[in-house]
N, C-alpha and C. Protein backbone atom coordinates (compact mmCIF):
# COMPACT_ATOMS: atom_id res chain seq x y z
N MET A 1 14.87 -40.83 -13.02
CA MET A 1 13.72 -41.21 -12.20
C MET A 1 13.65 -40.36 -10.93
N ARG A 2 14.77 -40.18 -10.26
CA ARG A 2 14.78 -39.41 -9.02
C ARG A 2 14.45 -37.94 -9.28
N LYS A 3 14.91 -37.37 -10.40
CA LYS A 3 14.61 -35.97 -10.72
C LYS A 3 13.12 -35.78 -10.94
N THR A 4 12.49 -36.72 -11.61
CA THR A 4 11.06 -36.64 -11.87
C THR A 4 10.28 -36.69 -10.56
N TYR A 5 10.70 -37.59 -9.68
CA TYR A 5 10.04 -37.69 -8.38
C TYR A 5 10.16 -36.39 -7.60
N MET A 6 11.35 -35.82 -7.55
CA MET A 6 11.57 -34.57 -6.81
C MET A 6 10.75 -33.43 -7.42
N LYS A 7 10.69 -33.41 -8.74
CA LYS A 7 9.92 -32.36 -9.41
C LYS A 7 8.44 -32.46 -9.02
N HIS A 8 7.88 -33.65 -9.04
CA HIS A 8 6.48 -33.85 -8.67
C HIS A 8 6.25 -33.53 -7.18
N PHE A 9 7.23 -33.88 -6.36
CA PHE A 9 7.14 -33.60 -4.94
C PHE A 9 7.05 -32.10 -4.70
N PHE A 10 7.94 -31.32 -5.31
CA PHE A 10 7.94 -29.88 -5.12
C PHE A 10 6.69 -29.22 -5.69
N ILE A 11 6.22 -29.68 -6.80
CA ILE A 11 4.98 -29.15 -7.38
C ILE A 11 3.81 -29.42 -6.43
N SER A 12 3.78 -30.61 -5.85
CA SER A 12 2.71 -30.95 -4.90
C SER A 12 2.76 -30.05 -3.68
N ILE A 13 3.95 -29.78 -3.18
CA ILE A 13 4.11 -28.91 -2.01
C ILE A 13 3.62 -27.50 -2.34
N ILE A 14 4.00 -26.99 -3.50
CA ILE A 14 3.59 -25.64 -3.90
C ILE A 14 2.07 -25.56 -4.03
N LEU A 15 1.46 -26.54 -4.65
CA LEU A 15 0.00 -26.55 -4.79
C LEU A 15 -0.69 -26.62 -3.43
N LEU A 16 -0.14 -27.40 -2.54
CA LEU A 16 -0.70 -27.50 -1.19
C LEU A 16 -0.61 -26.16 -0.48
N MET A 17 0.52 -25.48 -0.59
CA MET A 17 0.70 -24.18 0.06
C MET A 17 -0.28 -23.16 -0.50
N LEU A 18 -0.47 -23.15 -1.82
CA LEU A 18 -1.42 -22.22 -2.42
C LEU A 18 -2.84 -22.48 -1.93
N THR A 19 -3.19 -23.74 -1.79
CA THR A 19 -4.52 -24.10 -1.30
C THR A 19 -4.70 -23.66 0.15
N VAL A 20 -3.70 -23.88 0.98
CA VAL A 20 -3.78 -23.51 2.39
C VAL A 20 -3.90 -22.01 2.53
N PHE A 21 -3.08 -21.23 1.78
CA PHE A 21 -3.14 -19.78 1.88
C PHE A 21 -4.50 -19.26 1.44
N GLN A 22 -5.09 -19.84 0.40
CA GLN A 22 -6.42 -19.42 -0.05
C GLN A 22 -7.47 -19.75 0.99
N ALA A 23 -7.33 -20.87 1.68
CA ALA A 23 -8.32 -21.30 2.65
C ALA A 23 -8.38 -20.36 3.85
N PHE A 24 -7.26 -19.72 4.17
CA PHE A 24 -7.20 -18.86 5.34
C PHE A 24 -7.25 -17.37 4.99
N SER A 25 -7.46 -17.04 3.74
CA SER A 25 -7.55 -15.62 3.39
C SER A 25 -8.94 -15.09 3.75
N ALA A 26 -8.99 -13.78 3.99
CA ALA A 26 -10.24 -13.15 4.40
C ALA A 26 -10.56 -12.00 3.47
N THR A 27 -11.82 -11.62 3.42
CA THR A 27 -12.25 -10.44 2.70
C THR A 27 -12.75 -9.42 3.73
N ILE A 28 -12.14 -8.24 3.71
CA ILE A 28 -12.53 -7.15 4.60
C ILE A 28 -13.25 -6.12 3.75
N THR A 29 -14.48 -5.80 4.11
CA THR A 29 -15.28 -4.83 3.37
C THR A 29 -15.40 -3.54 4.18
N ILE A 30 -15.12 -2.42 3.52
CA ILE A 30 -15.31 -1.12 4.17
C ILE A 30 -16.22 -0.26 3.31
N THR A 31 -16.90 0.67 3.96
CA THR A 31 -17.78 1.62 3.26
C THR A 31 -17.33 3.04 3.62
N PRO A 32 -17.57 3.99 2.74
CA PRO A 32 -17.10 5.35 2.97
C PRO A 32 -17.79 6.04 4.14
N THR A 33 -17.08 7.03 4.70
CA THR A 33 -17.61 7.77 5.85
C THR A 33 -18.38 9.02 5.43
N GLY A 34 -18.15 9.47 4.21
CA GLY A 34 -18.76 10.71 3.76
C GLY A 34 -17.81 11.88 3.88
N ALA A 35 -16.66 11.66 4.47
CA ALA A 35 -15.61 12.69 4.60
C ALA A 35 -14.31 12.08 4.06
N ASP A 36 -13.17 12.53 4.55
CA ASP A 36 -11.88 11.99 4.12
C ASP A 36 -11.74 10.55 4.63
N ASP A 37 -11.60 9.61 3.72
CA ASP A 37 -11.53 8.18 4.06
C ASP A 37 -10.10 7.64 4.09
N THR A 38 -9.11 8.50 4.01
CA THR A 38 -7.72 8.04 3.95
C THR A 38 -7.37 7.15 5.13
N ASN A 39 -7.65 7.59 6.34
CA ASN A 39 -7.30 6.81 7.53
C ASN A 39 -8.07 5.50 7.60
N LEU A 40 -9.32 5.51 7.19
CA LEU A 40 -10.13 4.30 7.17
C LEU A 40 -9.50 3.26 6.24
N ILE A 41 -9.14 3.69 5.03
CA ILE A 41 -8.56 2.79 4.05
C ILE A 41 -7.20 2.28 4.53
N GLN A 42 -6.35 3.18 5.02
CA GLN A 42 -5.01 2.77 5.44
C GLN A 42 -5.06 1.82 6.64
N THR A 43 -5.95 2.08 7.58
CA THR A 43 -6.10 1.20 8.74
C THR A 43 -6.54 -0.20 8.30
N ALA A 44 -7.47 -0.26 7.35
CA ALA A 44 -7.93 -1.56 6.84
C ALA A 44 -6.79 -2.30 6.14
N ILE A 45 -6.01 -1.58 5.34
CA ILE A 45 -4.87 -2.21 4.64
C ILE A 45 -3.85 -2.72 5.66
N ASN A 46 -3.56 -1.92 6.66
CA ASN A 46 -2.56 -2.31 7.67
C ASN A 46 -2.99 -3.58 8.42
N GLY A 47 -4.27 -3.82 8.52
CA GLY A 47 -4.78 -5.00 9.22
C GLY A 47 -4.86 -6.26 8.39
N LEU A 48 -4.56 -6.16 7.10
CA LEU A 48 -4.65 -7.32 6.22
C LEU A 48 -3.48 -8.27 6.42
N ASN A 49 -3.76 -9.56 6.28
CA ASN A 49 -2.73 -10.59 6.25
C ASN A 49 -2.43 -10.93 4.79
N PRO A 50 -1.30 -11.59 4.52
CA PRO A 50 -0.98 -11.96 3.13
C PRO A 50 -2.12 -12.77 2.50
N GLY A 51 -2.51 -12.37 1.31
CA GLY A 51 -3.57 -13.05 0.57
C GLY A 51 -4.97 -12.53 0.85
N ASP A 52 -5.13 -11.66 1.82
CA ASP A 52 -6.45 -11.11 2.12
C ASP A 52 -6.90 -10.13 1.04
N LYS A 53 -8.22 -9.92 0.98
CA LYS A 53 -8.80 -8.98 0.03
C LYS A 53 -9.44 -7.82 0.77
N LEU A 54 -9.19 -6.62 0.26
CA LEU A 54 -9.87 -5.43 0.78
C LEU A 54 -10.90 -5.02 -0.26
N LEU A 55 -12.16 -5.02 0.13
CA LEU A 55 -13.26 -4.64 -0.75
C LEU A 55 -13.74 -3.26 -0.33
N LEU A 56 -13.56 -2.29 -1.22
CA LEU A 56 -14.02 -0.92 -0.98
C LEU A 56 -15.37 -0.77 -1.68
N ASN A 57 -16.42 -0.67 -0.90
CA ASN A 57 -17.77 -0.68 -1.44
C ASN A 57 -18.39 0.71 -1.30
N GLY A 58 -18.29 1.53 -2.35
CA GLY A 58 -18.87 2.87 -2.31
C GLY A 58 -17.95 3.90 -2.93
N ASP A 59 -18.26 5.14 -2.72
CA ASP A 59 -17.50 6.25 -3.29
C ASP A 59 -16.64 6.90 -2.21
N PHE A 60 -15.34 6.66 -2.29
CA PHE A 60 -14.38 7.08 -1.26
C PHE A 60 -13.67 8.36 -1.67
N VAL A 61 -13.32 9.16 -0.66
CA VAL A 61 -12.56 10.39 -0.86
C VAL A 61 -11.29 10.27 -0.02
N PHE A 62 -10.14 10.63 -0.60
CA PHE A 62 -8.90 10.61 0.16
C PHE A 62 -8.07 11.82 -0.21
N ASN A 63 -7.19 12.24 0.72
CA ASN A 63 -6.35 13.40 0.41
C ASN A 63 -4.89 13.20 0.80
N LYS A 64 -4.53 11.98 1.21
CA LYS A 64 -3.15 11.64 1.53
C LYS A 64 -2.76 10.37 0.79
N THR A 65 -1.47 10.07 0.79
CA THR A 65 -0.97 8.86 0.15
C THR A 65 -1.48 7.63 0.88
N ILE A 66 -1.89 6.63 0.11
CA ILE A 66 -2.30 5.35 0.66
C ILE A 66 -1.21 4.34 0.28
N TYR A 67 -0.67 3.65 1.28
CA TYR A 67 0.41 2.68 1.06
C TYR A 67 -0.17 1.28 1.01
N LEU A 68 0.00 0.61 -0.13
CA LEU A 68 -0.53 -0.73 -0.32
C LEU A 68 0.51 -1.78 0.08
N LYS A 69 0.02 -2.96 0.44
CA LYS A 69 0.89 -4.11 0.69
C LYS A 69 1.05 -4.86 -0.62
N SER A 70 2.14 -5.61 -0.74
CA SER A 70 2.40 -6.31 -1.99
C SER A 70 1.57 -7.58 -2.13
N ASP A 71 1.17 -8.20 -1.03
CA ASP A 71 0.48 -9.48 -1.10
C ASP A 71 -0.96 -9.33 -0.62
N MET A 72 -1.72 -8.50 -1.34
CA MET A 72 -3.12 -8.28 -1.01
C MET A 72 -3.91 -8.12 -2.30
N ILE A 73 -5.20 -8.23 -2.18
CA ILE A 73 -6.09 -8.01 -3.32
C ILE A 73 -6.93 -6.78 -2.99
N TRP A 74 -7.03 -5.88 -3.95
CA TRP A 74 -7.76 -4.62 -3.79
C TRP A 74 -8.91 -4.66 -4.79
N GLU A 75 -10.14 -4.59 -4.30
CA GLU A 75 -11.30 -4.56 -5.19
C GLU A 75 -12.12 -3.33 -4.88
N LEU A 76 -12.32 -2.51 -5.89
CA LEU A 76 -13.08 -1.27 -5.74
C LEU A 76 -14.42 -1.42 -6.45
N ARG A 77 -15.48 -1.29 -5.68
CA ARG A 77 -16.84 -1.29 -6.23
C ARG A 77 -17.42 0.10 -5.97
N GLY A 78 -16.97 1.04 -6.76
CA GLY A 78 -17.37 2.43 -6.60
C GLY A 78 -16.30 3.32 -7.20
N THR A 79 -15.98 4.42 -6.49
CA THR A 79 -14.98 5.36 -7.00
C THR A 79 -14.01 5.77 -5.88
N LEU A 80 -12.84 6.23 -6.30
CA LEU A 80 -11.87 6.88 -5.43
C LEU A 80 -11.67 8.28 -5.96
N THR A 81 -11.85 9.27 -5.12
CA THR A 81 -11.70 10.66 -5.54
C THR A 81 -10.64 11.33 -4.69
N LEU A 82 -9.70 12.00 -5.33
CA LEU A 82 -8.69 12.77 -4.62
C LEU A 82 -9.33 14.08 -4.15
N ALA A 83 -9.32 14.30 -2.84
CA ALA A 83 -9.96 15.49 -2.26
C ALA A 83 -9.17 16.74 -2.58
N LYS A 84 -9.86 17.86 -2.68
CA LYS A 84 -9.20 19.14 -2.88
C LYS A 84 -8.76 19.67 -1.52
N ASN A 85 -7.58 20.23 -1.48
CA ASN A 85 -7.07 20.78 -0.19
C ASN A 85 -7.74 22.08 0.14
């Protein structure tokens, strides 16, 4: 009986935490500059909190490495093109 209660308690806590994190997540939308967008994209990623979404709306060009966070959502509505040096 006690194991079942503890199991339900922990499941309830986990569900509550997931709900709270979703409630406070944000969507950040960026649009391309028409030139190299690497710094724009990286700055937006660096500003994200856990669970936030970065929405890239348009056709982006980059020529350097972009470092992603592990707890973010990346949505591309357009293209990413590696620039020629």
